[in-house]
Amino acid sequence: MKKDIEIPEVMNVTVAVAREKNLLNQDEWRVHLINNNAFPIENTIVASKGYGENAGEPQRTSTLRHFLETVPANTTAVVESIDPKIFHLNNEYWVSYYVGNQIYDRRFVFLPDSICENNLIFIKELELEGVLHS
């Protein structure tokens, strides 16, 4: 039964959307997975999608799936680039990974317009400004 499956709480793994300047001095936004554990996470799958409304009409993005074989202890990995034109949507990142034989699973959702100038903080793991999911 579903109630008999133990899925432990995700600890010290999070998602951030950060910006940095490219060679043309333009802002580029990227989604990063941050592993603040003292051990690597393995076979990580990140499914991303956007959904919500635009001018009163439903809007959805494609669902993208990214595979990260190993994210070493206390490091970060770039998941994907993200276009600011979809910041008005819910931007969801479903992260699943293994530690040993145990699977961990968590959904991170950036609410509409939460990725904005007012919410930027310095993210020390990335040494960039961005929005860190709590």
C-alpha atoms as a PDB file:
ATOM      1  CA  MET A   1       0.000   0.000   0.000  1.00  0.00           C
ATOM      2  CA  LYS A   2       1.038   3.572  -0.596  1.00  0.00           C
ATOM      3  CA  LYS A   3       0.923   4.323   3.137  1.00  0.00           C
ATOM      4  CA  ASP A   4       3.574   1.639   3.716  1.00  0.00           C
ATOM      5  CA  ILE A   5       6.160   3.339   1.489  1.00  0.00           C
ATOM      6  CA  GLU A   6       8.594   5.411   3.501  1.00  0.00           C
ATOM      7  CA  ILE A   7       9.863   8.512   1.721  1.00  0.00           C
ATOM      8  CA  PRO A   8      12.183  10.411   4.049  1.00  0.00           C
ATOM      9  CA  GLU A   9      12.271  14.186   4.308  1.00  0.00           C
ATOM     10  CA  VAL A  10      14.616  16.009   1.946  1.00  0.00           C
ATOM     11  CA  MET A  11      17.250  17.873   3.935  1.00  0.00           C
ATOM     12  CA  ASN A  12      19.977  20.246   2.708  1.00  0.00           C
ATOM     13  CA  VAL A  13      18.989  19.988  -0.958  1.00  0.00           C
ATOM     14  CA  THR A  14      17.300  22.966  -2.577  1.00  0.00           C
ATOM     15  CA  VAL A  15      16.745  24.818  -5.832  1.00  0.00           C
ATOM     16  CA  ALA A  16      17.728  28.387  -6.725  1.00  0.00           C
ATOM     17  CA  VAL A  17      17.161  30.638  -9.721  1.00  0.00           C
ATOM     18  CA  ALA A  18      20.174  32.906 -10.169  1.00  0.00           C
ATOM     19  CA  ARG A  19      21.296  35.499 -12.658  1.00  0.00           C
ATOM     20  CA  GLU A  20      24.708  36.269 -14.014  1.00  0.00           C
ATOM     21  CA  LYS A  21      26.118  38.450 -16.757  1.00  0.00           C
ATOM     22  CA  ASN A  22      27.082  36.809 -20.046  1.00  0.00           C
ATOM     23  CA  LEU A  23      29.875  37.911 -22.392  1.00  0.00           C
ATOM     24  CA  LEU A  24      27.584  40.604 -23.837  1.00  0.00           C
ATOM     25  CA  ASN A  25      26.924  41.959 -20.316  1.00  0.00           C
ATOM     26  CA  GLN A  26      23.298  40.758 -20.446  1.00  0.00           C
ATOM     27  CA  ASP A  27      21.498  38.948 -17.642  1.00  0.00           C
ATOM     28  CA  GLU A  28      21.181  35.189 -18.020  1.00  0.00           C
ATOM     29  CA  TRP A  29      19.017  33.228 -15.596  1.00  0.00           C
ATOM     30  CA  ARG A  30      19.747  29.636 -14.633  1.00  0.00           C
ATOM     31  CA  VAL A  31      18.184  27.100 -12.305  1.00  0.00           C
ATOM     32  CA  HIS A  32      20.647  25.456  -9.920  1.00  0.00           C
ATOM     33  CA  LEU A  33      20.373  22.408  -7.680  1.00  0.00           C
ATOM     34  CA  ILE A  34      22.258  22.892  -4.408  1.00  0.00           C
ATOM     35  CA  ASN A  35      23.470  19.906  -2.369  1.00  0.00           C
ATOM     36  CA  ASN A  36      24.541  21.108   1.084  1.00  0.00           C
ATOM     37  CA  ASN A  37      24.950  17.573   2.440  1.00  0.00           C
ATOM     38  CA  ALA A  38      28.261  16.000   3.453  1.00  0.00           C
ATOM     39  CA  PHE A  39      27.561  13.198   0.950  1.00  0.00           C
ATOM     40  CA  PRO A  40      26.794  13.035  -2.779  1.00  0.00           C
ATOM     41  CA  ILE A  41      23.329  12.546  -4.208  1.00  0.00           C
ATOM     42  CA  GLU A  42      23.019  10.087  -7.085  1.00  0.00           C
ATOM     43  CA  ASN A  43      20.811   9.495 -10.126  1.00  0.00           C
ATOM     44  CA  THR A  44      19.011  12.797  -9.739  1.00  0.00           C
ATOM     45  CA  ILE A  45      16.046  13.567 -11.970  1.00  0.00           C
ATOM     46  CA  VAL A  46      14.671  17.107 -12.093  1.00  0.00           C
ATOM     47  CA  ALA A  47      11.352  17.568 -13.906  1.00  0.00           C
ATOM     48  CA  SER A  48      10.541  21.192 -14.633  1.00  0.00           C
ATOM     49  CA  LYS A  49       7.367  22.863 -15.875  1.00  0.00           C
ATOM     50  CA  GLY A  50       5.576  26.171 -15.766  1.00  0.00           C
ATOM     51  CA  TYR A  51       1.848  26.681 -15.390  1.00  0.00           C
ATOM     52  CA  GLY A  52      -0.607  29.462 -14.640  1.00  0.00           C
ATOM     53  CA  GLU A  53      -2.406  32.218 -16.532  1.00  0.00           C
ATOM     54  CA  ASN A  54      -1.485  34.972 -18.957  1.00  0.00           C
ATOM     55  CA  ALA A  55      -4.099  37.674 -19.666  1.00  0.00           C
ATOM     56  CA  GLY A  56      -6.774  35.440 -18.130  1.00  0.00           C
ATOM     57  CA  GLU A  57      -5.927  32.491 -20.381  1.00  0.00           C
ATOM     58  CA  PRO A  58      -4.386  29.242 -19.086  1.00  0.00           C
ATOM     59  CA  GLN A  59      -0.729  28.874 -20.003  1.00  0.00           C
ATOM     60  CA  ARG A  60       1.628  25.894 -19.668  1.00  0.00           C
ATOM     61  CA  THR A  61       5.181  25.229 -20.690  1.00  0.00           C
ATOM     62  CA  SER A  62       6.601  21.929 -21.837  1.00  0.00           C
ATOM     63  CA  THR A  63       7.723  19.529 -19.142  1.00  0.00           C
ATOM     64  CA  LEU A  64      11.486  19.049 -19.276  1.00  0.00           C
ATOM     65  CA  ARG A  65      13.372  16.260 -17.542  1.00  0.00           C
ATOM     66  CA  HIS A  66      17.033  16.552 -16.605  1.00  0.00           C
ATOM     67  CA  PHE A  67      19.312  13.775 -15.352  1.00  0.00           C
ATOM     68  CA  LEU A  68      22.285  14.474 -13.100  1.00  0.00           C
ATOM     69  CA  GLU A  69      24.317  11.347 -12.449  1.00  0.00           C
ATOM     70  CA  THR A  70      26.104  12.615  -9.325  1.00  0.00           C
ATOM     71  CA  VAL A  71      25.937  15.898  -7.452  1.00  0.00           C
ATOM     72  CA  PRO A  72      28.943  15.761  -5.111  1.00  0.00           C
ATOM     73  CA  ALA A  73      28.770  16.778  -1.454  1.00  0.00           C
ATOM     74  CA  ASN A  74      28.567  20.524  -0.801  1.00  0.00           C
ATOM     75  CA  THR A  75      28.345  21.483  -4.477  1.00  0.00           C
ATOM     76  CA  THR A  76      25.861  22.801  -6.996  1.00  0.00           C
ATOM     77  CA  ALA A  77      24.754  21.789 -10.483  1.00  0.00           C
ATOM     78  CA  VAL A  78      23.141  23.821 -13.239  1.00  0.00           C
ATOM     79  CA  VAL A  79      19.794  22.272 -14.168  1.00  0.00           C
ATOM     80  CA  GLU A  80      18.631  24.540 -16.991  1.00  0.00           C
ATOM     81  CA  SER A  81      18.418  28.075 -18.304  1.00  0.00           C
ATOM     82  CA  ILE A  82      15.141  29.879 -17.684  1.00  0.00           C
ATOM     83  CA  ASP A  83      13.573  32.697 -19.684  1.00  0.00           C
ATOM     84  CA  PRO A  84      12.322  35.687 -17.647  1.00  0.00           C
ATOM     85  CA  LYS A  85       9.232  35.705 -19.896  1.00  0.00           C
ATOM     86  CA  ILE A  86       7.832  32.825 -17.806  1.00  0.00           C
ATOM     87  CA  PHE A  87       8.468  34.324 -14.359  1.00  0.00           C
ATOM     88  CA  HIS A  88       4.734  35.202 -14.228  1.00  0.00           C
ATOM     89  CA  LEU A  89       3.947  31.448 -14.035  1.00  0.00           C
ATOM     90  CA  ASN A  90       4.324  28.902 -11.265  1.00  0.00           C
ATOM     91  CA  ASN A  91       7.734  27.380 -12.014  1.00  0.00           C
ATOM     92  CA  GLU A  92       7.867  23.864 -10.586  1.00  0.00           C
ATOM     93  CA  TYR A  93      10.921  21.647 -10.112  1.00  0.00           C
ATOM     94  CA  TRP A  94      10.277  18.079  -8.992  1.00  0.00           C
ATOM     95  CA  VAL A  95      13.557  16.646  -7.674  1.00  0.00           C
ATOM     96  CA  SER A  96      14.121  12.919  -7.066  1.00  0.00           C
ATOM     97  CA  TYR A  97      17.457  11.413  -6.095  1.00  0.00           C
ATOM     98  CA  TYR A  98      19.109   8.511  -4.294  1.00  0.00           C
ATOM     99  CA  VAL A  99      21.385   8.321  -1.291  1.00  0.00           C
ATOM    100  CA  GLY A 100      22.511   4.709  -1.224  1.00  0.00           C
ATOM    101  CA  ASN A 101      19.382   2.640  -1.872  1.00  0.00           C
ATOM    102  CA  GLN A 102      16.980   5.245  -0.434  1.00  0.00           C
ATOM    103  CA  ILE A 103      14.997   7.506  -2.761  1.00  0.00           C
ATOM    104  CA  TYR A 104      14.238  11.109  -1.825  1.00  0.00           C
ATOM    105  CA  ASP A 105      11.624  13.238  -3.520  1.00  0.00           C
ATOM    106  CA  ARG A 106      10.524  16.879  -3.220  1.00  0.00           C
ATOM    107  CA  ARG A 107       8.639  19.458  -5.254  1.00  0.00           C
ATOM    108  CA  PHE A 108       9.915  23.056  -5.314  1.00  0.00           C
ATOM    109  CA  VAL A 109       7.527  25.710  -6.695  1.00  0.00           C
ATOM    110  CA  PHE A 110       8.476  29.317  -7.368  1.00  0.00           C
ATOM    111  CA  LEU A 111       5.169  31.203  -7.228  1.00  0.00           C
ATOM    112  CA  PRO A 112       4.190  33.675  -9.963  1.00  0.00           C
ATOM    113  CA  ASP A 113       6.365  36.804  -9.988  1.00  0.00           C
ATOM    114  CA  SER A 114       8.426  35.580  -7.008  1.00  0.00           C
ATOM    115  CA  ILE A 115      11.531  35.611  -9.211  1.00  0.00           C
ATOM    116  CA  CYS A 116      12.026  39.372  -9.264  1.00  0.00           C
ATOM    117  CA  GLU A 117      14.487  42.102  -8.326  1.00  0.00           C
ATOM    118  CA  ASN A 118      12.874  42.649  -4.887  1.00  0.00           C
ATOM    119  CA  ASN A 119      13.441  39.007  -3.876  1.00  0.00           C
ATOM    120  CA  LEU A 120      17.076  38.685  -4.946  1.00  0.00           C
ATOM    121  CA  ILE A 121      19.562  37.688  -2.267  1.00  0.00           C
ATOM    122  CA  PHE A 122      23.227  36.741  -2.410  1.00  0.00           C
ATOM    123  CA  ILE A 123      23.460  32.937  -2.566  1.00  0.00           C
ATOM    124  CA  LYS A 124      26.846  32.018  -1.147  1.00  0.00           C
ATOM    125  CA  GLU A 125      26.937  28.519  -2.674  1.00  0.00           C
ATOM    126  CA  LEU A 126      26.628  30.056  -6.146  1.00  0.00           C
ATOM    127  CA  GLU A 127      28.379  33.372  -5.442  1.00  0.00           C
ATOM    128  CA  LEU A 128      25.518  34.950  -7.390  1.00  0.00           C
ATOM    129  CA  GLU A 129      22.334  36.900  -6.722  1.00  0.00           C
ATOM    130  CA  GLY A 130      19.135  34.958  -7.095  1.00  0.00           C
ATOM    131  CA  VAL A 131      16.005  33.588  -5.495  1.00  0.00           C
ATOM    132  CA  LEU A 132      16.585  30.641  -3.174  1.00  0.00           C
ATOM    133  CA  HIS A 133      13.691  28.261  -2.530  1.00  0.00           C
ATOM    134  CA  SER A 134      13.205  27.707   1.192  1.00  0.00           C
END
